[in-house]
């Protein structure tokens, strides 16, 4: 495998990982933020539990809520109940509330990237060789 192919595949894997992470952020984390907005959970008194939000056993969500993460700074916890502080509402709306990405879009992007990678690896070198010979 040539260096060009390795770089191209690394780029494709990186973009794929970014697409999956974006889906996770908008879908899973954004889902909790939307539930907190629905329940007007903007302080410790109005905070709701993950169960009340419809997330019973979500390991990834609990992992994202661990102290020190960006999401834990946006969604705060008090006694196992979660809320969005007043000063983080704007950030929560802009980063997590929008549902602009779906599984279909992620899979379509991955498929398109795979096709582009295959074309760059197998078709373009042959076309360049034909162009050189003309």
N, C-alpha and C. Protein backbone atom coordinates (compact mmCIF):
# COMPACT_ATOMS: atom_id res chain seq x y z
N UNK A 1 0.86 -1.17 0.00
CA UNK A 1 0.00 0.00 0.00
C UNK A 1 0.90 1.24 0.00
N UNK A 2 0.62 2.17 -0.88
CA UNK A 2 1.45 3.37 -1.00
C UNK A 2 1.15 4.36 0.13
N UNK A 3 2.02 5.32 0.26
CA UNK A 3 1.84 6.36 1.28
C UNK A 3 0.58 7.15 1.02
N UNK A 4 0.32 7.44 -0.25
CA UNK A 4 -0.91 8.16 -0.63
C UNK A 4 -2.15 7.39 -0.16
N UNK A 5 -2.17 6.09 -0.39
CA UNK A 5 -3.31 5.27 0.01
C UNK A 5 -3.47 5.27 1.53
N UNK A 6 -2.35 5.18 2.24
CA UNK A 6 -2.41 5.20 3.70
C UNK A 6 -2.95 6.53 4.23
N UNK A 7 -2.48 7.62 3.65
CA UNK A 7 -2.96 8.94 4.06
C UNK A 7 -4.44 9.09 3.74
N UNK A 8 -4.84 8.65 2.56
CA UNK A 8 -6.24 8.74 2.15
C UNK A 8 -7.12 7.92 3.08
N UNK A 9 -6.72 6.70 3.38
CA UNK A 9 -7.53 5.87 4.28
C UNK A 9 -7.58 6.44 5.69
N UNK A 10 -6.48 7.00 6.18
CA UNK A 10 -6.48 7.64 7.49
C UNK A 10 -7.45 8.82 7.51
N UNK A 11 -7.46 9.60 6.43
CA UNK A 11 -8.38 10.72 6.32
C UNK A 11 -9.83 10.23 6.33
N UNK A 12 -10.11 9.19 5.58
CA UNK A 12 -11.47 8.65 5.51
C UNK A 12 -11.90 8.13 6.88
N UNK A 13 -11.02 7.42 7.57
CA UNK A 13 -11.36 6.93 8.91
C UNK A 13 -11.58 8.09 9.88
N UNK A 14 -10.78 9.13 9.77
CA UNK A 14 -10.94 10.30 10.63
C UNK A 14 -12.27 11.00 10.40
N UNK A 15 -12.63 11.19 9.15
CA UNK A 15 -13.90 11.83 8.84
C UNK A 15 -15.08 10.95 9.28
N UNK A 16 -14.93 9.64 9.12
CA UNK A 16 -15.98 8.72 9.58
C UNK A 16 -16.15 8.81 11.09
N UNK A 17 -15.04 8.82 11.82
CA UNK A 17 -15.12 8.95 13.28
C UNK A 17 -15.77 10.27 13.68
N UNK A 18 -15.46 11.34 12.96
CA UNK A 18 -16.07 12.63 13.25
C UNK A 18 -17.57 12.61 13.00
N UNK A 19 -17.99 11.94 11.93
CA UNK A 19 -19.42 11.84 11.63
C UNK A 19 -20.16 11.05 12.70
N UNK A 20 -19.56 9.96 13.16
CA UNK A 20 -20.18 9.16 14.21
C UNK A 20 -20.25 9.95 15.52
N UNK A 21 -19.19 10.67 15.85
CA UNK A 21 -19.19 11.48 17.07
C UNK A 21 -20.24 12.59 16.99
N UNK A 22 -20.36 13.22 15.84
CA UNK A 22 -21.37 14.27 15.66
C UNK A 22 -22.77 13.70 15.83
N UNK A 23 -22.99 12.52 15.28
CA UNK A 23 -24.29 11.86 15.46
C UNK A 23 -24.55 11.60 16.94
N UNK A 24 -23.56 11.08 17.64
CA UNK A 24 -23.70 10.80 19.07
C UNK A 24 -24.01 12.08 19.85
N UNK A 25 -23.30 13.15 19.54
CA UNK A 25 -23.51 14.41 20.24
C UNK A 25 -24.91 14.95 20.00
N UNK A 26 -25.34 14.95 18.75
CA UNK A 26 -26.66 15.51 18.42
C UNK A 26 -27.81 14.59 18.83
N UNK A 27 -27.61 13.29 18.72
CA UNK A 27 -28.69 12.36 18.98
C UNK A 27 -28.81 11.98 20.46
N UNK A 28 -27.75 11.43 21.03
CA UNK A 28 -27.81 10.93 22.40
C UNK A 28 -27.73 12.08 23.41
N UNK A 29 -26.66 12.86 23.35
CA UNK A 29 -26.51 13.96 24.30
C UNK A 29 -27.58 15.02 24.06
N UNK A 30 -27.84 15.30 22.80
CA UNK A 30 -28.89 16.26 22.46
C UNK A 30 -30.27 15.81 22.91
N UNK A 31 -30.49 14.50 22.92
CA UNK A 31 -31.77 13.98 23.40
C UNK A 31 -32.01 14.33 24.86
N UNK A 32 -30.98 14.18 25.68
CA UNK A 32 -31.12 14.55 27.09
C UNK A 32 -31.33 16.05 27.23
N UNK A 33 -30.61 16.84 26.48
CA UNK A 33 -30.78 18.30 26.55
C UNK A 33 -32.20 18.69 26.15
N UNK A 34 -32.73 18.08 25.11
CA UNK A 34 -34.10 18.38 24.70
C UNK A 34 -35.10 18.00 25.79
N UNK A 35 -34.88 16.88 26.47
CA UNK A 35 -35.75 16.47 27.58
C UNK A 35 -35.68 17.47 28.73
N UNK A 36 -34.48 17.95 29.04
CA UNK A 36 -34.33 18.94 30.10
C UNK A 36 -35.05 20.23 29.74
N UNK A 37 -35.00 20.62 28.47
CA UNK A 37 -35.74 21.80 28.03
C UNK A 37 -37.25 21.56 28.14
N UNK A 38 -37.71 20.37 27.76
CA UNK A 38 -39.14 20.05 27.85
C UNK A 38 -39.65 20.17 29.28
N UNK A 39 -38.80 19.75 30.25
CA UNK A 39 -39.19 19.78 31.66
C UNK A 39 -38.79 21.09 32.35
N UNK A 40 -38.27 22.05 31.58
CA UNK A 40 -37.82 23.33 32.13
C UNK A 40 -36.88 23.12 33.32
N UNK A 41 -35.95 22.19 33.16
CA UNK A 41 -34.99 21.87 34.22
C UNK A 41 -33.79 22.81 34.10
N UNK A 42 -33.93 23.99 34.73
CA UNK A 42 -32.90 25.01 34.63
C UNK A 42 -32.27 25.37 35.97
N UNK A 43 -32.62 24.62 37.01
CA UNK A 43 -31.98 24.81 38.31
C UNK A 43 -32.11 23.52 39.11
N UNK A 44 -31.48 23.47 40.26
CA UNK A 44 -31.47 22.26 41.07
C UNK A 44 -32.86 21.82 41.51
N UNK A 45 -33.77 22.77 41.70
CA UNK A 45 -35.12 22.42 42.15
C UNK A 45 -35.95 21.76 41.05
N UNK A 46 -35.72 22.12 39.81
CA UNK A 46 -36.49 21.56 38.70
C UNK A 46 -35.75 20.43 37.98
N UNK A 47 -34.60 20.01 38.52
CA UNK A 47 -33.79 18.96 37.90
C UNK A 47 -34.57 17.65 37.83
N UNK A 48 -34.25 16.84 36.80
CA UNK A 48 -34.91 15.54 36.64
C UNK A 48 -33.85 14.44 36.57
N UNK A 49 -34.25 13.23 36.89
CA UNK A 49 -33.34 12.09 36.83
C UNK A 49 -33.25 11.57 35.40
N UNK A 50 -32.27 10.74 35.15
CA UNK A 50 -32.14 10.13 33.82
C UNK A 50 -33.35 9.25 33.51
N UNK A 51 -33.88 8.58 34.54
CA UNK A 51 -35.06 7.73 34.34
C UNK A 51 -36.26 8.57 33.92
N UNK A 52 -36.43 9.73 34.56
CA UNK A 52 -37.54 10.62 34.19
C UNK A 52 -37.37 11.15 32.76
N UNK A 53 -36.14 11.27 32.33
CA UNK A 53 -35.87 11.74 30.97
C UNK A 53 -35.97 10.62 29.95
N UNK A 54 -36.13 9.37 30.41
CA UNK A 54 -36.27 8.23 29.50
C UNK A 54 -34.97 7.50 29.21
N UNK A 55 -33.95 7.73 30.02
CA UNK A 55 -32.65 7.06 29.85
C UNK A 55 -32.39 6.19 31.06
N UNK A 56 -32.81 4.93 30.98
CA UNK A 56 -32.67 4.04 32.14
C UNK A 56 -31.25 3.51 32.30
N UNK A 57 -30.72 2.89 31.28
CA UNK A 57 -29.40 2.27 31.37
C UNK A 57 -28.53 2.72 30.21
N UNK A 58 -28.10 3.94 30.27
CA UNK A 58 -27.28 4.48 29.19
C UNK A 58 -25.86 4.70 29.69
N UNK A 59 -25.00 3.71 29.45
CA UNK A 59 -23.61 3.79 29.90
C UNK A 59 -22.90 4.97 29.24
N UNK A 60 -23.08 5.14 27.93
CA UNK A 60 -22.40 6.22 27.23
C UNK A 60 -22.83 7.59 27.73
N UNK A 61 -24.10 7.74 28.04
CA UNK A 61 -24.59 9.01 28.55
C UNK A 61 -24.01 9.29 29.93
N UNK A 62 -24.00 8.29 30.78
CA UNK A 62 -23.41 8.46 32.12
C UNK A 62 -21.92 8.75 32.02
N UNK A 63 -21.26 8.13 31.06
CA UNK A 63 -19.84 8.37 30.85
C UNK A 63 -19.61 9.82 30.40
N UNK A 64 -20.48 10.33 29.56
CA UNK A 64 -20.36 11.71 29.08
C UNK A 64 -20.65 12.71 30.18
N UNK A 65 -21.39 12.29 31.20
CA UNK A 65 -21.74 13.18 32.30
C UNK A 65 -20.73 13.15 33.44
N UNK A 66 -19.64 12.39 33.29
CA UNK A 66 -18.64 12.33 34.37
C UNK A 66 -18.01 13.70 34.55
N UNK A 67 -17.58 14.01 35.75
CA UNK A 67 -16.98 15.32 36.02
C UNK A 67 -15.78 15.62 35.13
N UNK A 68 -15.68 16.87 34.72
CA UNK A 68 -14.56 17.30 33.90
C UNK A 68 -14.82 17.32 32.41
N UNK A 69 -15.95 16.79 31.96
CA UNK A 69 -16.25 16.80 30.54
C UNK A 69 -17.01 18.08 30.16
N UNK A 70 -16.97 18.43 28.90
CA UNK A 70 -17.68 19.60 28.41
C UNK A 70 -19.19 19.44 28.63
N UNK A 71 -19.68 18.23 28.42
CA UNK A 71 -21.12 17.99 28.59
C UNK A 71 -21.53 18.15 30.05
N UNK A 72 -20.67 17.70 30.99
CA UNK A 72 -20.97 17.84 32.41
C UNK A 72 -20.94 19.30 32.85
N UNK A 73 -20.23 20.14 32.11
CA UNK A 73 -20.25 21.58 32.40
C UNK A 73 -21.55 22.21 31.93
N UNK A 74 -22.13 21.65 30.88
CA UNK A 74 -23.38 22.17 30.33
C UNK A 74 -24.58 21.60 31.08
N UNK A 75 -24.55 20.30 31.36
CA UNK A 75 -25.63 19.63 32.09
C UNK A 75 -25.09 19.30 33.47
N UNK A 76 -25.60 19.98 34.46
CA UNK A 76 -25.10 19.79 35.83
C UNK A 76 -25.94 18.76 36.57
N UNK A 77 -25.35 18.23 37.62
CA UNK A 77 -25.99 17.19 38.41
C UNK A 77 -26.10 17.63 39.86
N UNK A 78 -27.23 17.30 40.47
CA UNK A 78 -27.42 17.50 41.90
C UNK A 78 -28.22 16.31 42.42
N UNK A 79 -27.60 15.50 43.26
CA UNK A 79 -28.23 14.30 43.84
C UNK A 79 -28.80 13.35 42.80
N UNK A 80 -28.08 13.13 41.71
CA UNK A 80 -28.52 12.20 40.68
C UNK A 80 -29.60 12.76 39.76
N UNK A 81 -29.85 14.03 39.85
CA UNK A 81 -30.84 14.69 39.00
C UNK A 81 -30.09 15.74 38.18
N UNK A 82 -30.57 16.00 36.97
CA UNK A 82 -29.82 16.82 36.04
C UNK A 82 -30.61 18.05 35.60
N UNK A 83 -29.86 19.12 35.34
CA UNK A 83 -30.45 20.38 34.89
C UNK A 83 -29.42 21.16 34.08
N UNK A 84 -29.90 22.16 33.38
CA UNK A 84 -29.02 23.05 32.62
C UNK A 84 -29.02 24.40 33.34
N UNK A 85 -27.87 24.84 33.84
CA UNK A 85 -27.84 26.13 34.53
C UNK A 85 -28.19 27.28 33.58
N UNK A 86 -28.72 28.34 34.15
CA UNK A 86 -29.15 29.49 33.35
C UNK A 86 -28.04 30.01 32.44
N UNK A 87 -26.80 30.03 32.93
CA UNK A 87 -25.71 30.59 32.13
C UNK A 87 -25.23 29.65 31.02
N UNK A 88 -25.74 28.41 30.97
CA UNK A 88 -25.35 27.45 29.93
C UNK A 88 -26.48 27.15 28.94
N UNK A 89 -27.61 27.81 29.08
CA UNK A 89 -28.77 27.54 28.22
C UNK A 89 -28.44 27.82 26.76
N UNK A 90 -27.81 28.95 26.49
CA UNK A 90 -27.49 29.31 25.11
C UNK A 90 -26.53 28.29 24.48
N UNK A 91 -25.53 27.87 25.24
CA UNK A 91 -24.58 26.88 24.74
C UNK A 91 -25.29 25.55 24.47
N UNK A 92 -26.16 25.15 25.38
CA UNK A 92 -26.90 23.89 25.22
C UNK A 92 -27.77 23.93 23.97
N UNK A 93 -28.41 25.05 23.73
CA UNK A 93 -29.26 25.18 22.54
C UNK A 93 -28.45 25.09 21.27
N UNK A 94 -27.34 25.80 21.23
CA UNK A 94 -26.57 25.83 19.98
C UNK A 94 -25.82 24.53 19.72
N UNK A 95 -25.31 23.89 20.75
CA UNK A 95 -24.47 22.71 20.54
C UNK A 95 -25.25 21.40 20.53
N UNK A 96 -26.27 21.27 21.36
CA UNK A 96 -26.90 19.97 21.55
C UNK A 96 -28.37 19.88 21.12
N UNK A 97 -29.09 20.97 21.07
CA UNK A 97 -30.54 20.87 20.89
C UNK A 97 -30.97 20.56 19.47
N UNK A 98 -30.21 20.92 18.48
CA UNK A 98 -30.57 20.73 17.08
C UNK A 98 -30.44 19.25 16.68
N UNK A 99 -31.46 18.72 16.01
CA UNK A 99 -31.46 17.32 15.55
C UNK A 99 -31.11 17.22 14.07
N UNK A 100 -30.07 17.86 13.62
CA UNK A 100 -29.82 17.96 12.19
C UNK A 100 -29.17 16.73 11.55
N UNK A 101 -28.75 15.76 12.32
CA UNK A 101 -28.06 14.59 11.74
C UNK A 101 -28.80 13.31 12.13
N UNK A 102 -28.96 12.43 11.15
CA UNK A 102 -29.63 11.16 11.40
C UNK A 102 -28.68 10.01 11.07
N UNK A 103 -29.06 8.81 11.44
CA UNK A 103 -28.26 7.63 11.13
C UNK A 103 -28.10 7.50 9.62
N UNK A 104 -29.16 7.78 8.88
CA UNK A 104 -29.12 7.69 7.42
C UNK A 104 -28.06 8.64 6.86
N UNK A 105 -28.00 9.85 7.36
CA UNK A 105 -27.02 10.83 6.88
C UNK A 105 -25.60 10.34 7.18
N UNK A 106 -25.38 9.79 8.38
CA UNK A 106 -24.06 9.28 8.75
C UNK A 106 -23.66 8.13 7.83
N UNK A 107 -24.56 7.19 7.62
CA UNK A 107 -24.26 6.05 6.75
C UNK A 107 -24.04 6.49 5.31
N UNK A 108 -24.81 7.45 4.86
CA UNK A 108 -24.64 7.98 3.50
C UNK A 108 -23.27 8.66 3.36
N UNK A 109 -22.87 9.41 4.37
CA UNK A 109 -21.56 10.07 4.33
C UNK A 109 -20.43 9.04 4.32
N UNK A 110 -20.55 8.00 5.12
CA UNK A 110 -19.53 6.94 5.15
C UNK A 110 -19.46 6.24 3.80
N UNK A 111 -20.61 5.93 3.21
CA UNK A 111 -20.64 5.30 1.90
C UNK A 111 -20.00 6.19 0.83
N UNK A 112 -20.33 7.47 0.85
CA UNK A 112 -19.75 8.40 -0.12
C UNK A 112 -18.23 8.48 0.05
N UNK A 113 -17.77 8.52 1.28
CA UNK A 113 -16.32 8.56 1.52
C UNK A 113 -15.64 7.29 1.05
N UNK A 114 -16.28 6.15 1.25
CA UNK A 114 -15.71 4.89 0.79
C UNK A 114 -15.61 4.87 -0.73
N UNK A 115 -16.62 5.36 -1.41
CA UNK A 115 -16.60 5.41 -2.88
C UNK A 115 -15.50 6.35 -3.36
N UNK A 116 -15.38 7.49 -2.71
CA UNK A 116 -14.33 8.44 -3.08
C UNK A 116 -12.95 7.82 -2.86
N UNK A 117 -12.78 7.13 -1.74
CA UNK A 117 -11.48 6.49 -1.46
C UNK A 117 -11.15 5.44 -2.52
N UNK A 118 -12.12 4.62 -2.86
CA UNK A 118 -11.89 3.59 -3.88
C UNK A 118 -11.55 4.23 -5.23
N UNK A 119 -12.25 5.30 -5.57
CA UNK A 119 -11.97 5.98 -6.84
C UNK A 119 -10.56 6.57 -6.83
N UNK A 120 -10.17 7.16 -5.72
CA UNK A 120 -8.83 7.76 -5.63
C UNK A 120 -7.74 6.69 -5.70
N UNK A 121 -8.01 5.54 -5.14
CA UNK A 121 -6.99 4.48 -5.10
C UNK A 121 -6.91 3.71 -6.41
N UNK A 122 -8.06 3.39 -7.02
CA UNK A 122 -8.07 2.48 -8.16
C UNK A 122 -8.31 3.14 -9.52
N UNK A 123 -9.08 4.21 -9.58
CA UNK A 123 -9.46 4.79 -10.87
C UNK A 123 -8.55 5.95 -11.26
N UNK A 124 -8.32 6.90 -10.36
CA UNK A 124 -7.54 8.09 -10.70
C UNK A 124 -6.11 7.78 -11.14
N UNK A 125 -5.40 6.86 -10.51
CA UNK A 125 -4.05 6.57 -11.01
C UNK A 125 -4.05 6.07 -12.45
N UNK A 126 -5.02 5.25 -12.82
CA UNK A 126 -5.12 4.78 -14.20
C UNK A 126 -5.44 5.94 -15.15
N UNK A 127 -6.32 6.85 -14.74
CA UNK A 127 -6.65 8.00 -15.57
C UNK A 127 -5.45 8.92 -15.74
N UNK A 128 -4.65 9.09 -14.70
CA UNK A 128 -3.44 9.89 -14.80
C UNK A 128 -2.42 9.24 -15.76
N UNK A 129 -2.33 7.94 -15.72
CA UNK A 129 -1.42 7.23 -16.61
C UNK A 129 -1.86 7.37 -18.07
N UNK A 130 -3.17 7.28 -18.30
CA UNK A 130 -3.71 7.48 -19.66
C UNK A 130 -3.42 8.90 -20.13
N UNK A 131 -3.60 9.88 -19.25
CA UNK A 131 -3.36 11.27 -19.62
C UNK A 131 -1.88 11.50 -19.94
N UNK A 132 -1.00 10.87 -19.22
CA UNK A 132 0.43 11.01 -19.49
C UNK A 132 0.81 10.46 -20.86
N UNK A 133 0.15 9.36 -21.24
CA UNK A 133 0.48 8.69 -22.51
C UNK A 133 -0.09 9.42 -23.72
N UNK A 134 -0.98 10.34 -23.53
CA UNK A 134 -1.59 11.06 -24.67
C UNK A 134 -0.68 12.06 -25.17
